[in-house]
């Protein structure tokens, strides 16, 4: 009986090996299901309200991540000019799916991962598809509405199962959140730093909007 058990165990282990090799070795085994991996290049332009000034001598950080598996990249090469921030970033060996972009004010320009960051200044969430080995270039424009919508989406009870494309918050409530966030950011014009935070009232507005969305 013991020999039969060992024999069955050996068969099961042998059957499992092709599945593992299939994903890592590029096998076309029809049984193996492997995610396509590609490269995402984003060219990001963020635009704040007219009159807002981001200090040209300040430090900023752009982060790009896949929300499904956490694949992540960041850069401190961000250019500030008036109310606009621009940067480019490449994320390689990443699966298609939903991506999150955050832009922060940083404590220094060295790129140290331990440097303190502000709350996000801008944020957007988007879905990107591509094939195995494909490089996709994605121009991304982020404004106040994109930021507020992505913020509210993070509180949506269905966010774990549904992409932001399916998120349809109340228009009036979203507009109110945009106006409130814009007014708060405006207070930091000319002096944005890594100490910037959204006040608790804004977080509450975003949370309530997200949770109230069917």
N, C-alpha and C. Protein backbone atom coordinates (compact mmCIF):
# COMPACT_ATOMS: atom_id res chain seq x y z
N UNK A 1 0.84 -1.21 0.00
CA UNK A 1 0.00 0.00 0.00
C UNK A 1 0.88 1.26 0.00
N UNK A 2 1.99 1.18 0.76
CA UNK A 2 2.89 2.31 0.83
C UNK A 2 3.52 2.59 -0.53
N UNK A 3 3.85 1.54 -1.26
CA UNK A 3 4.44 1.71 -2.59
C UNK A 3 3.46 2.40 -3.54
N UNK A 4 2.20 2.05 -3.44
CA UNK A 4 1.18 2.66 -4.28
C UNK A 4 1.08 4.14 -4.00
N UNK A 5 1.15 4.50 -2.70
CA UNK A 5 1.08 5.92 -2.34
C UNK A 5 2.25 6.69 -2.92
N UNK A 6 3.46 6.12 -2.81
CA UNK A 6 4.63 6.78 -3.35
C UNK A 6 4.53 6.95 -4.86
N UNK A 7 3.98 5.91 -5.52
CA UNK A 7 3.83 5.96 -6.96
C UNK A 7 2.87 7.08 -7.36
N UNK A 8 1.76 7.20 -6.64
CA UNK A 8 0.78 8.26 -6.93
C UNK A 8 1.38 9.64 -6.70
N UNK A 9 2.16 9.78 -5.61
CA UNK A 9 2.79 11.05 -5.32
C UNK A 9 3.75 11.44 -6.43
N UNK A 10 4.51 10.45 -6.93
CA UNK A 10 5.44 10.72 -8.00
C UNK A 10 4.75 11.17 -9.26
N UNK A 11 3.62 10.57 -9.58
CA UNK A 11 2.86 10.95 -10.76
C UNK A 11 2.35 12.38 -10.65
N UNK A 12 1.83 12.73 -9.45
CA UNK A 12 1.32 14.08 -9.24
C UNK A 12 2.42 15.12 -9.36
N UNK A 13 3.59 14.85 -8.80
CA UNK A 13 4.70 15.80 -8.88
C UNK A 13 5.17 15.97 -10.32
N UNK A 14 5.21 14.87 -11.06
CA UNK A 14 5.65 14.94 -12.45
C UNK A 14 4.68 15.75 -13.28
N UNK A 15 3.40 15.63 -12.97
CA UNK A 15 2.38 16.36 -13.71
C UNK A 15 2.46 17.86 -13.43
N UNK A 16 2.92 18.22 -12.23
CA UNK A 16 2.98 19.63 -11.84
C UNK A 16 4.15 20.35 -12.47
N UNK A 17 5.23 19.62 -12.78
CA UNK A 17 6.44 20.25 -13.30
C UNK A 17 6.22 21.02 -14.59
N UNK A 18 5.53 20.45 -15.60
CA UNK A 18 5.33 21.21 -16.84
C UNK A 18 4.59 22.52 -16.64
N UNK A 19 3.69 22.58 -15.64
CA UNK A 19 2.96 23.81 -15.39
C UNK A 19 3.90 24.90 -14.91
N UNK A 20 4.83 24.54 -14.05
CA UNK A 20 5.79 25.52 -13.54
C UNK A 20 6.73 25.97 -14.65
N UNK A 21 7.24 24.99 -15.41
CA UNK A 21 8.15 25.32 -16.48
C UNK A 21 7.44 26.15 -17.54
N UNK A 22 6.17 25.89 -17.75
CA UNK A 22 5.41 26.59 -18.78
C UNK A 22 5.42 28.08 -18.59
N UNK A 23 5.31 28.57 -17.36
CA UNK A 23 5.28 30.00 -17.11
C UNK A 23 6.66 30.62 -17.15
N UNK A 24 7.68 29.90 -16.67
CA UNK A 24 9.00 30.50 -16.56
C UNK A 24 9.87 30.22 -17.78
N UNK A 25 9.55 29.17 -18.49
CA UNK A 25 10.41 28.82 -19.62
C UNK A 25 9.79 29.10 -20.97
N UNK A 26 8.60 29.70 -21.01
CA UNK A 26 8.00 30.06 -22.27
C UNK A 26 7.35 28.90 -22.99
N UNK A 27 7.02 27.82 -22.30
CA UNK A 27 6.39 26.67 -22.93
C UNK A 27 5.03 27.04 -23.49
N UNK A 28 4.65 26.38 -24.60
CA UNK A 28 3.34 26.59 -25.19
C UNK A 28 2.37 25.51 -24.73
N UNK A 29 2.66 24.89 -23.63
CA UNK A 29 1.77 23.89 -23.06
C UNK A 29 0.39 24.48 -22.90
N UNK A 30 -0.63 23.92 -23.59
CA UNK A 30 -1.98 24.50 -23.51
C UNK A 30 -2.59 24.44 -22.12
N UNK A 31 -2.02 23.59 -21.25
CA UNK A 31 -2.55 23.49 -19.90
C UNK A 31 -2.08 24.65 -19.04
N UNK A 32 -0.88 25.15 -19.35
CA UNK A 32 -0.31 26.23 -18.53
C UNK A 32 -0.94 27.56 -18.90
N UNK A 33 -1.32 28.33 -17.89
CA UNK A 33 -1.88 29.66 -18.08
C UNK A 33 -0.90 30.68 -17.52
N UNK A 34 -0.27 31.44 -18.40
CA UNK A 34 0.76 32.38 -17.98
C UNK A 34 0.38 33.79 -18.40
N UNK A 35 0.55 34.77 -17.52
CA UNK A 35 0.23 36.15 -17.89
C UNK A 35 1.22 36.69 -18.91
N UNK A 36 0.75 37.48 -19.85
CA UNK A 36 1.64 38.16 -20.78
C UNK A 36 2.44 39.20 -20.01
N UNK A 37 3.69 39.34 -20.35
CA UNK A 37 4.53 40.35 -19.72
C UNK A 37 5.02 41.31 -20.79
N UNK A 38 4.92 42.58 -20.51
CA UNK A 38 5.35 43.58 -21.46
C UNK A 38 5.99 44.76 -20.76
N UNK A 39 6.06 45.87 -21.47
CA UNK A 39 6.68 47.09 -20.95
C UNK A 39 5.70 48.25 -21.14
N UNK A 40 5.50 49.02 -20.08
CA UNK A 40 4.63 50.18 -20.13
C UNK A 40 5.47 51.44 -19.93
N UNK A 41 5.41 52.33 -20.91
CA UNK A 41 6.09 53.62 -20.81
C UNK A 41 5.03 54.71 -20.70
N UNK A 42 5.10 55.50 -19.65
CA UNK A 42 4.14 56.58 -19.49
C UNK A 42 4.85 57.93 -19.62
N UNK A 43 4.19 58.85 -20.31
CA UNK A 43 4.63 60.24 -20.38
C UNK A 43 3.53 61.04 -19.68
N UNK A 44 3.85 61.54 -18.50
CA UNK A 44 2.83 62.12 -17.63
C UNK A 44 2.91 63.64 -17.61
N UNK A 45 1.75 64.27 -17.77
CA UNK A 45 1.63 65.72 -17.62
C UNK A 45 0.51 66.00 -16.63
N UNK A 46 0.84 66.61 -15.52
CA UNK A 46 -0.18 66.98 -14.54
C UNK A 46 -0.39 68.48 -14.61
N UNK A 47 -1.65 68.88 -14.52
CA UNK A 47 -1.97 70.30 -14.60
C UNK A 47 -2.89 70.69 -13.45
N UNK A 48 -2.43 71.61 -12.64
CA UNK A 48 -3.24 72.12 -11.54
C UNK A 48 -4.03 73.33 -12.03
N UNK A 49 -4.83 73.90 -11.14
CA UNK A 49 -5.65 75.06 -11.48
C UNK A 49 -4.76 76.25 -11.88
N UNK A 50 -5.32 77.16 -12.66
CA UNK A 50 -4.59 78.35 -13.07
C UNK A 50 -4.16 79.15 -11.85
N UNK A 51 -2.92 79.59 -11.85
CA UNK A 51 -2.40 80.36 -10.73
C UNK A 51 -1.60 79.53 -9.75
N UNK A 52 -1.74 78.21 -9.80
CA UNK A 52 -0.96 77.34 -8.92
C UNK A 52 0.48 77.32 -9.40
N UNK A 53 1.41 77.35 -8.47
CA UNK A 53 2.83 77.32 -8.82
C UNK A 53 3.52 76.20 -8.05
N UNK A 54 4.15 75.30 -8.80
CA UNK A 54 5.00 74.28 -8.19
C UNK A 54 6.44 74.78 -8.26
N UNK A 55 7.11 74.93 -7.12
CA UNK A 55 8.48 75.47 -7.15
C UNK A 55 9.39 74.68 -8.08
N UNK A 56 10.04 75.38 -8.99
CA UNK A 56 10.92 74.72 -9.95
C UNK A 56 12.11 74.06 -9.26
N UNK A 57 12.47 74.55 -8.07
CA UNK A 57 13.60 73.98 -7.33
C UNK A 57 13.16 72.86 -6.39
N UNK A 58 11.88 72.57 -6.38
CA UNK A 58 11.38 71.52 -5.50
C UNK A 58 11.69 70.13 -6.02
N UNK A 59 11.49 69.14 -5.18
CA UNK A 59 11.70 67.75 -5.57
C UNK A 59 10.35 67.03 -5.61
N UNK A 60 10.18 66.20 -6.63
CA UNK A 60 8.91 65.51 -6.82
C UNK A 60 9.19 64.06 -7.20
N UNK A 61 8.23 63.21 -6.95
CA UNK A 61 8.39 61.80 -7.30
C UNK A 61 7.16 61.29 -8.03
N UNK A 62 7.39 60.58 -9.13
CA UNK A 62 6.34 59.92 -9.89
C UNK A 62 6.44 58.42 -9.63
N UNK A 63 5.31 57.81 -9.30
CA UNK A 63 5.26 56.37 -9.08
C UNK A 63 4.24 55.75 -10.02
N UNK A 64 4.60 54.60 -10.58
CA UNK A 64 3.71 53.82 -11.45
C UNK A 64 3.68 52.39 -10.94
N UNK A 65 2.48 51.86 -10.75
CA UNK A 65 2.38 50.49 -10.25
C UNK A 65 1.21 49.75 -10.89
N UNK A 66 1.36 48.44 -10.98
CA UNK A 66 0.27 47.57 -11.39
C UNK A 66 -0.52 47.23 -10.13
N UNK A 67 -1.80 47.58 -10.09
CA UNK A 67 -2.57 47.40 -8.85
C UNK A 67 -2.88 45.94 -8.57
N UNK A 68 -2.71 45.09 -9.58
CA UNK A 68 -3.01 43.68 -9.37
C UNK A 68 -1.89 42.91 -8.70
N UNK A 69 -0.65 43.15 -9.14
CA UNK A 69 0.46 42.37 -8.59
C UNK A 69 1.52 43.22 -7.88
N UNK A 70 1.32 44.54 -7.87
CA UNK A 70 2.23 45.40 -7.12
C UNK A 70 3.53 45.74 -7.82
N UNK A 71 3.72 45.31 -9.09
CA UNK A 71 4.92 45.68 -9.83
C UNK A 71 5.03 47.20 -9.84
N UNK A 72 6.24 47.71 -9.61
CA UNK A 72 6.36 49.12 -9.22
C UNK A 72 7.63 49.76 -9.79
N UNK A 73 7.52 51.04 -10.15
CA UNK A 73 8.68 51.83 -10.56
C UNK A 73 8.46 53.26 -10.11
N UNK A 74 9.56 54.01 -9.97
CA UNK A 74 9.45 55.40 -9.54
C UNK A 74 10.59 56.21 -10.12
N UNK A 75 10.40 57.52 -10.17
CA UNK A 75 11.46 58.41 -10.63
C UNK A 75 11.34 59.75 -9.92
N UNK A 76 12.49 60.39 -9.70
CA UNK A 76 12.50 61.75 -9.16
C UNK A 76 12.84 62.76 -10.27
N UNK A 77 12.93 62.28 -11.50
CA UNK A 77 13.19 63.19 -12.62
C UNK A 77 11.87 63.77 -13.08
N UNK A 78 11.43 64.77 -12.36
CA UNK A 78 10.15 65.42 -12.61
C UNK A 78 10.41 66.91 -12.79
N UNK A 79 9.87 67.48 -13.84
CA UNK A 79 10.09 68.90 -14.14
C UNK A 79 8.87 69.72 -13.74
N UNK A 80 9.11 70.79 -13.03
CA UNK A 80 8.04 71.70 -12.61
C UNK A 80 8.14 73.00 -13.39
N UNK A 81 6.99 73.44 -13.93
CA UNK A 81 6.94 74.71 -14.65
C UNK A 81 5.56 75.33 -14.42
N UNK A 82 5.50 76.30 -13.53
CA UNK A 82 4.22 76.90 -13.21
C UNK A 82 3.28 75.91 -12.54
N UNK A 83 2.13 75.70 -13.15
CA UNK A 83 1.15 74.78 -12.56
C UNK A 83 1.21 73.38 -13.18
N UNK A 84 2.32 73.10 -13.88
CA UNK A 84 2.45 71.83 -14.60
C UNK A 84 3.67 71.05 -14.11
N UNK A 85 3.49 69.74 -13.95
CA UNK A 85 4.58 68.82 -13.66
C UNK A 85 4.64 67.80 -14.80
N UNK A 86 5.84 67.48 -15.28
CA UNK A 86 5.98 66.50 -16.35
C UNK A 86 7.07 65.49 -15.99
N UNK A 87 6.86 64.26 -16.43
CA UNK A 87 7.83 63.20 -16.16
C UNK A 87 7.52 62.00 -17.05
N UNK A 88 8.53 61.16 -17.25
CA UNK A 88 8.36 59.91 -17.99
C UNK A 88 8.90 58.77 -17.15
N UNK A 89 8.31 57.60 -17.33
CA UNK A 89 8.72 56.45 -16.51
C UNK A 89 8.40 55.16 -17.27
N UNK A 90 9.29 54.17 -17.11
CA UNK A 90 9.11 52.87 -17.76
C UNK A 90 8.99 51.79 -16.71
N UNK A 91 8.00 50.93 -16.88
CA UNK A 91 7.79 49.78 -16.00
C UNK A 91 7.86 48.53 -16.85
N UNK A 92 8.89 47.71 -16.63
CA UNK A 92 9.11 46.52 -17.44
C UNK A 92 8.71 45.23 -16.75
N UNK A 93 8.61 44.15 -17.54
CA UNK A 93 8.24 42.83 -17.03
C UNK A 93 6.96 42.91 -16.21
N UNK A 94 5.97 43.55 -16.77
CA UNK A 94 4.72 43.76 -16.05
C UNK A 94 3.56 43.15 -16.83
N UNK A 95 2.59 42.67 -16.11
CA UNK A 95 1.40 42.09 -16.72
C UNK A 95 0.40 43.18 -17.07
N UNK A 96 -0.44 42.97 -18.09
CA UNK A 96 -1.48 43.95 -18.39
C UNK A 96 -2.49 43.99 -17.26
N UNK A 97 -3.25 45.07 -17.20
CA UNK A 97 -4.24 45.19 -16.13
C UNK A 97 -4.47 46.64 -15.77
N UNK A 98 -4.72 46.87 -14.50
CA UNK A 98 -4.99 48.22 -14.03
C UNK A 98 -3.74 48.82 -13.39
N UNK A 99 -3.49 50.09 -13.70
CA UNK A 99 -2.29 50.76 -13.22
C UNK A 99 -2.66 52.02 -12.44
N UNK A 100 -1.80 52.36 -11.49
CA UNK A 100 -2.00 53.54 -10.66
C UNK A 100 -0.78 54.45 -10.78
N UNK A 101 -1.04 55.73 -11.02
CA UNK A 101 0.02 56.73 -11.03
C UNK A 101 -0.21 57.69 -9.88
N UNK A 102 0.84 57.93 -9.10
CA UNK A 102 0.82 58.93 -8.04
C UNK A 102 1.98 59.90 -8.25
N UNK A 103 1.74 61.16 -7.99
CA UNK A 103 2.79 62.17 -8.03
C UNK A 103 2.85 62.84 -6.66
N UNK A 104 4.06 62.89 -6.10
CA UNK A 104 4.26 63.43 -4.75
C UNK A 104 5.29 64.55 -4.76
N UNK A 105 5.29 65.34 -3.71
CA UNK A 105 6.42 66.21 -3.41
C UNK A 105 7.35 65.37 -2.53
N UNK A 106 8.65 65.46 -2.82
CA UNK A 106 9.62 64.60 -2.13
C UNK A 106 10.53 65.40 -1.22
N UNK A 107 11.11 64.69 -0.24
CA UNK A 107 12.00 65.34 0.71
C UNK A 107 13.36 65.69 0.15
N UNK A 108 13.77 65.00 -0.92
CA UNK A 108 15.04 65.31 -1.57
C UNK A 108 14.99 64.81 -3.00
N UNK A 109 16.02 65.17 -3.76
CA UNK A 109 16.04 64.81 -5.18
C UNK A 109 16.96 63.63 -5.46
N UNK A 110 17.47 62.98 -4.44
CA UNK A 110 18.46 61.92 -4.65
C UNK A 110 17.84 60.60 -5.08
N UNK A 111 16.55 60.45 -4.84
CA UNK A 111 15.91 59.18 -5.18
C UNK A 111 15.94 58.19 -4.04
N UNK A 112 16.38 58.62 -2.86
CA UNK A 112 16.41 57.72 -1.72
C UNK A 112 15.01 57.24 -1.37
N UNK A 113 14.80 55.90 -1.31
CA UNK A 113 13.46 55.39 -1.01
C UNK A 113 12.99 55.72 0.39
N UNK A 114 13.92 56.12 1.26
CA UNK A 114 13.55 56.44 2.63
C UNK A 114 13.16 57.91 2.81
N UNK A 115 13.36 58.72 1.75
CA UNK A 115 13.01 60.13 1.85
C UNK A 115 11.50 60.27 2.01
N UNK A 116 11.10 61.19 2.86
CA UNK A 116 9.68 61.36 3.12
C UNK A 116 8.97 61.97 1.93
N UNK A 117 7.73 61.54 1.72
CA UNK A 117 6.92 62.04 0.63
C UNK A 117 5.68 62.72 1.18
N UNK A 118 5.15 63.64 0.40
CA UNK A 118 3.89 64.27 0.76
C UNK A 118 2.75 63.30 0.49
N UNK A 119 1.55 63.72 0.78
CA UNK A 119 0.40 63.00 0.24
C UNK A 119 0.45 63.19 -1.28
N UNK A 120 -0.24 62.37 -2.03
CA UNK A 120 -0.22 62.53 -3.48
C UNK A 120 -0.73 63.92 -3.86
N UNK A 121 -0.06 64.53 -4.83
CA UNK A 121 -0.53 65.79 -5.38
C UNK A 121 -1.51 65.52 -6.52
N UNK A 122 -1.17 64.49 -7.29
CA UNK A 122 -2.01 64.05 -8.41
C UNK A 122 -2.07 62.53 -8.39
N UNK A 123 -3.16 62.02 -8.94
CA UNK A 123 -3.33 60.57 -8.99
C UNK A 123 -4.27 60.22 -10.13
N UNK A 124 -4.01 59.11 -10.77
CA UNK A 124 -4.96 58.58 -11.75
C UNK A 124 -4.83 57.07 -11.82
N UNK A 125 -5.91 56.43 -12.20
CA UNK A 125 -5.97 54.99 -12.35
C UNK A 125 -6.44 54.69 -13.76
N UNK A 126 -5.79 53.75 -14.45
CA UNK A 126 -6.17 53.44 -15.82
C UNK A 126 -5.92 51.97 -16.12
N UNK A 127 -6.59 51.47 -17.13
CA UNK A 127 -6.46 50.07 -17.55
C UNK A 127 -5.67 50.04 -18.86
N UNK A 128 -4.70 49.12 -18.94
CA UNK A 128 -3.89 49.00 -20.14
C UNK A 128 -3.71 47.53 -20.52
N UNK A 129 -4.00 47.21 -21.76
CA UNK A 129 -3.80 45.85 -22.26
C UNK A 129 -2.64 45.84 -23.25
N UNK A 130 -1.98 44.69 -23.37
CA UNK A 130 -0.90 44.50 -24.33
C UNK A 130 -0.56 43.02 -24.40
N UNK A 131 0.21 42.66 -25.41
CA UNK A 131 0.58 41.27 -25.61
C UNK A 131 1.95 40.94 -25.05
N UNK A 132 2.30 39.66 -25.12
CA UNK A 132 3.59 39.19 -24.62
C UNK A 132 4.73 39.92 -25.31
N UNK A 133 5.60 40.53 -24.51
CA UNK A 133 6.78 41.21 -25.04
C UNK A 133 6.50 42.56 -25.68
N UNK A 134 5.27 43.02 -25.64
CA UNK A 134 4.92 44.28 -26.30
C UNK A 134 5.28 45.48 -25.44
N UNK A 135 5.74 46.53 -26.10
CA UNK A 135 6.01 47.80 -25.44
C UNK A 135 4.91 48.78 -25.83
N UNK A 136 4.26 49.35 -24.83
CA UNK A 136 3.20 50.32 -25.10
C UNK A 136 3.59 51.67 -24.50
N UNK A 137 3.39 52.71 -25.29
CA UNK A 137 3.66 54.08 -24.82
C UNK A 137 2.32 54.74 -24.53
N UNK A 138 2.18 55.25 -23.32
CA UNK A 138 0.89 55.78 -22.88
C UNK A 138 1.05 57.24 -22.44
N UNK A 139 0.51 58.18 -23.20
CA UNK A 139 0.50 59.57 -22.73
C UNK A 139 -0.60 59.72 -21.67
N UNK A 140 -0.25 60.29 -20.53
CA UNK A 140 -1.21 60.40 -19.43
C UNK A 140 -1.30 61.86 -18.99
N UNK A 141 -2.49 62.42 -19.11
CA UNK A 141 -2.76 63.78 -18.63
C UNK A 141 -3.60 63.67 -17.36
N UNK A 142 -3.13 64.29 -16.29
CA UNK A 142 -3.82 64.18 -15.00
C UNK A 142 -4.20 65.56 -14.51
N UNK A 143 -5.47 65.74 -14.21
CA UNK A 143 -5.96 66.99 -13.65
C UNK A 143 -6.67 66.75 -12.33
N UNK A 144 -7.35 67.75 -11.86
CA UNK A 144 -8.02 67.67 -10.56
C UNK A 144 -9.14 66.63 -10.54
N UNK A 145 -9.89 66.53 -11.63
CA UNK A 145 -10.99 65.56 -11.68
C UNK A 145 -10.47 64.13 -11.68
N UNK A 146 -9.40 63.89 -12.45
CA UNK A 146 -8.80 62.55 -12.46
C UNK A 146 -8.34 62.16 -11.05
N UNK A 147 -7.71 63.12 -10.38
CA UNK A 147 -7.19 62.87 -9.04
C UNK A 147 -8.31 62.56 -8.05
N UNK A 148 -9.35 63.37 -8.06
CA UNK A 148 -10.47 63.17 -7.15
C UNK A 148 -11.19 61.86 -7.43
N UNK A 149 -11.38 61.53 -8.70
CA UNK A 149 -12.08 60.30 -9.07
C UNK A 149 -11.29 59.07 -8.63
N UNK A 150 -9.98 59.10 -8.85
CA UNK A 150 -9.14 57.98 -8.44
C UNK A 150 -9.11 57.84 -6.92
N UNK A 151 -9.11 58.97 -6.22
CA UNK A 151 -9.12 58.96 -4.76
C UNK A 151 -10.41 58.31 -4.25
N UNK A 152 -11.55 58.73 -4.80
CA UNK A 152 -12.83 58.17 -4.39
C UNK A 152 -12.93 56.68 -4.75
N UNK A 153 -12.38 56.33 -5.91
CA UNK A 153 -12.40 54.94 -6.35
C UNK A 153 -11.71 54.01 -5.34
N UNK A 154 -10.67 54.51 -4.70
CA UNK A 154 -9.93 53.68 -3.74
C UNK A 154 -10.79 53.26 -2.55
N UNK A 155 -11.93 53.94 -2.35
CA UNK A 155 -12.84 53.59 -1.26
C UNK A 155 -14.07 52.81 -1.75
N UNK A 156 -14.16 52.60 -3.04
CA UNK A 156 -15.31 51.91 -3.62
C UNK A 156 -15.32 50.45 -3.17
N UNK A 157 -16.40 49.96 -2.58
CA UNK A 157 -16.43 48.57 -2.12
C UNK A 157 -16.19 47.56 -3.23
N UNK A 158 -16.49 47.92 -4.48
CA UNK A 158 -16.32 47.00 -5.60
C UNK A 158 -14.96 47.11 -6.28
N UNK A 159 -14.08 47.97 -5.75
CA UNK A 159 -12.81 48.23 -6.42
C UNK A 159 -11.93 46.98 -6.55
N UNK A 160 -12.06 46.05 -5.61
CA UNK A 160 -11.23 44.85 -5.67
C UNK A 160 -11.60 43.95 -6.84
N UNK A 161 -12.84 44.07 -7.30
CA UNK A 161 -13.32 43.18 -8.36
C UNK A 161 -13.60 43.90 -9.67
N UNK A 162 -13.72 45.24 -9.63
CA UNK A 162 -14.08 46.00 -10.83
C UNK A 162 -13.08 47.12 -11.07
N UNK A 163 -12.76 47.35 -12.34
CA UNK A 163 -11.81 48.40 -12.70
C UNK A 163 -12.46 49.77 -12.61
N UNK A 164 -11.63 50.78 -12.68
CA UNK A 164 -12.13 52.16 -12.56
C UNK A 164 -13.04 52.54 -13.72
N UNK A 165 -12.93 51.84 -14.84
CA UNK A 165 -13.81 52.11 -15.97
C UNK A 165 -15.28 51.91 -15.61
N UNK A 166 -15.54 51.08 -14.62
CA UNK A 166 -16.91 50.78 -14.20
C UNK A 166 -17.36 51.62 -13.01
N UNK A 167 -16.49 52.50 -12.56
CA UNK A 167 -16.78 53.35 -11.40
C UNK A 167 -17.53 54.59 -11.87
N UNK A 168 -18.77 54.77 -11.43
CA UNK A 168 -19.59 55.90 -11.87
C UNK A 168 -20.13 56.65 -10.66
N UNK A 169 -19.30 57.48 -10.04
CA UNK A 169 -19.74 58.23 -8.85
C UNK A 169 -20.73 59.33 -9.21
N UNK A 170 -21.46 59.77 -8.23
CA UNK A 170 -22.41 60.87 -8.42
C UNK A 170 -21.66 62.11 -8.92
N UNK A 171 -22.13 62.69 -10.03
CA UNK A 171 -21.42 63.79 -10.67
C UNK A 171 -21.32 65.02 -9.78
N UNK A 172 -22.41 65.36 -9.10
CA UNK A 172 -22.40 66.56 -8.25
C UNK A 172 -21.44 66.39 -7.07
N UNK A 173 -21.45 65.20 -6.49
CA UNK A 173 -20.56 64.94 -5.36
C UNK A 173 -19.10 64.92 -5.79
N UNK A 174 -18.85 64.40 -6.99
CA UNK A 174 -17.48 64.41 -7.50
C UNK A 174 -17.02 65.83 -7.76
N UNK A 175 -17.88 66.66 -8.31
CA UNK A 175 -17.53 68.06 -8.56
C UNK A 175 -17.23 68.80 -7.26
N UNK A 176 -17.98 68.48 -6.21
CA UNK A 176 -17.74 69.11 -4.91
C UNK A 176 -16.39 68.68 -4.35
N UNK A 177 -16.05 67.41 -4.53
CA UNK A 177 -14.75 66.91 -4.06
C UNK A 177 -13.62 67.59 -4.84
N UNK A 178 -13.78 67.73 -6.15
CA UNK A 178 -12.77 68.39 -6.97
C UNK A 178 -12.56 69.83 -6.50
N UNK A 179 -13.63 70.55 -6.26
CA UNK A 179 -13.53 71.95 -5.83
C UNK A 179 -12.84 72.07 -4.48
N UNK A 180 -13.16 71.17 -3.57
CA UNK A 180 -12.57 71.22 -2.24
C UNK A 180 -11.08 70.88 -2.27
N UNK A 181 -10.71 69.87 -3.06
CA UNK A 181 -9.31 69.49 -3.18
C UNK A 181 -8.52 70.60 -3.87
N UNK A 182 -9.11 71.23 -4.88
CA UNK A 182 -8.43 72.31 -5.59
C UNK A 182 -8.15 73.49 -4.67
N UNK A 183 -9.14 73.85 -3.86
CA UNK A 183 -8.97 74.97 -2.94
C UNK A 183 -7.88 74.67 -1.91
N UNK A 184 -7.82 73.42 -1.46
CA UNK A 184 -6.81 73.05 -0.46
C UNK A 184 -5.41 73.08 -1.07
N UNK A 185 -5.27 72.55 -2.29
CA UNK A 185 -3.96 72.54 -2.94
C UNK A 185 -3.48 73.96 -3.21
N UNK A 186 -4.43 74.84 -3.55
CA UNK A 186 -4.09 76.23 -3.88
C UNK A 186 -3.38 76.93 -2.73
N UNK A 187 -3.70 76.53 -1.49
CA UNK A 187 -3.07 77.14 -0.32
C UNK A 187 -1.57 76.91 -0.29
N UNK A 188 -1.12 75.88 -1.00
CA UNK A 188 0.31 75.55 -1.00
C UNK A 188 1.03 76.09 -2.23
N UNK A 189 0.38 76.92 -3.02
CA UNK A 189 1.00 77.46 -4.22
C UNK A 189 2.31 78.17 -3.90
N UNK A 190 3.34 77.82 -4.64
CA UNK A 190 4.65 78.43 -4.45
C UNK A 190 5.46 77.84 -3.33
N UNK A 191 4.87 76.95 -2.54
CA UNK A 191 5.59 76.39 -1.39
C UNK A 191 5.27 74.91 -1.16
N UNK A 192 4.87 74.21 -2.21
CA UNK A 192 4.56 72.78 -2.07
C UNK A 192 5.81 72.04 -1.61
N UNK A 193 5.65 71.21 -0.61
CA UNK A 193 6.78 70.44 -0.09
C UNK A 193 6.30 69.06 0.35
N UNK A 194 7.24 68.28 0.89
CA UNK A 194 6.88 66.93 1.31
C UNK A 194 6.02 66.92 2.58
N UNK A 195 5.71 68.08 3.12
CA UNK A 195 4.82 68.14 4.29
C UNK A 195 3.35 68.29 3.89
N UNK A 196 3.10 68.40 2.59
CA UNK A 196 1.72 68.60 2.13
C UNK A 196 0.86 67.38 2.48
N UNK A 197 -0.33 67.65 3.00
CA UNK A 197 -1.30 66.60 3.32
C UNK A 197 -2.70 67.06 2.93
N UNK A 198 -3.55 66.12 2.59
CA UNK A 198 -4.97 66.42 2.44
C UNK A 198 -5.60 66.40 3.81
N UNK A 199 -6.48 67.34 4.10
CA UNK A 199 -7.04 67.37 5.45
C UNK A 199 -8.07 66.23 5.64
N UNK A 200 -8.36 65.88 6.87
CA UNK A 200 -9.28 64.76 7.14
C UNK A 200 -10.65 64.93 6.49
N UNK A 201 -11.11 66.16 6.37
CA UNK A 201 -12.41 66.39 5.76
C UNK A 201 -12.46 65.95 4.31
N UNK A 202 -11.36 66.15 3.59
CA UNK A 202 -11.28 65.76 2.19
C UNK A 202 -11.27 64.23 2.07
N UNK A 203 -10.51 63.60 2.94
CA UNK A 203 -10.48 62.13 2.94
C UNK A 203 -11.87 61.57 3.23
N UNK A 204 -12.60 62.23 4.12
CA UNK A 204 -13.96 61.79 4.44
C UNK A 204 -14.88 61.95 3.24
N UNK A 205 -14.76 63.07 2.53
CA UNK A 205 -15.57 63.28 1.33
C UNK A 205 -15.31 62.19 0.29
N UNK A 206 -14.04 61.89 0.07
CA UNK A 206 -13.67 60.86 -0.92
C UNK A 206 -14.19 59.50 -0.50
N UNK A 207 -14.05 59.20 0.80
CA UNK A 207 -14.52 57.92 1.32
C UNK A 207 -16.03 57.77 1.18
N UNK A 208 -16.76 58.81 1.55
CA UNK A 208 -18.22 58.75 1.47
C UNK A 208 -18.69 58.62 0.03
N UNK A 209 -18.02 59.32 -0.89
CA UNK A 209 -18.39 59.24 -2.29
C UNK A 209 -18.14 57.84 -2.84
N UNK A 210 -16.97 57.30 -2.52
CA UNK A 210 -16.66 55.96 -3.00
C UNK A 210 -17.61 54.91 -2.47
N UNK A 211 -17.87 54.98 -1.19
CA UNK A 211 -18.74 53.97 -0.55
C UNK A 211 -20.19 54.10 -0.98
N UNK A 212 -20.60 55.30 -1.39
CA UNK A 212 -21.99 55.50 -1.80
C UNK A 212 -22.25 55.12 -3.25
N UNK A 213 -21.18 54.87 -3.99
CA UNK A 213 -21.32 54.52 -5.41
C UNK A 213 -21.74 53.07 -5.57
N UNK A 214 -22.84 52.81 -6.28
CA UNK A 214 -23.30 51.42 -6.43
C UNK A 214 -22.38 50.61 -7.34
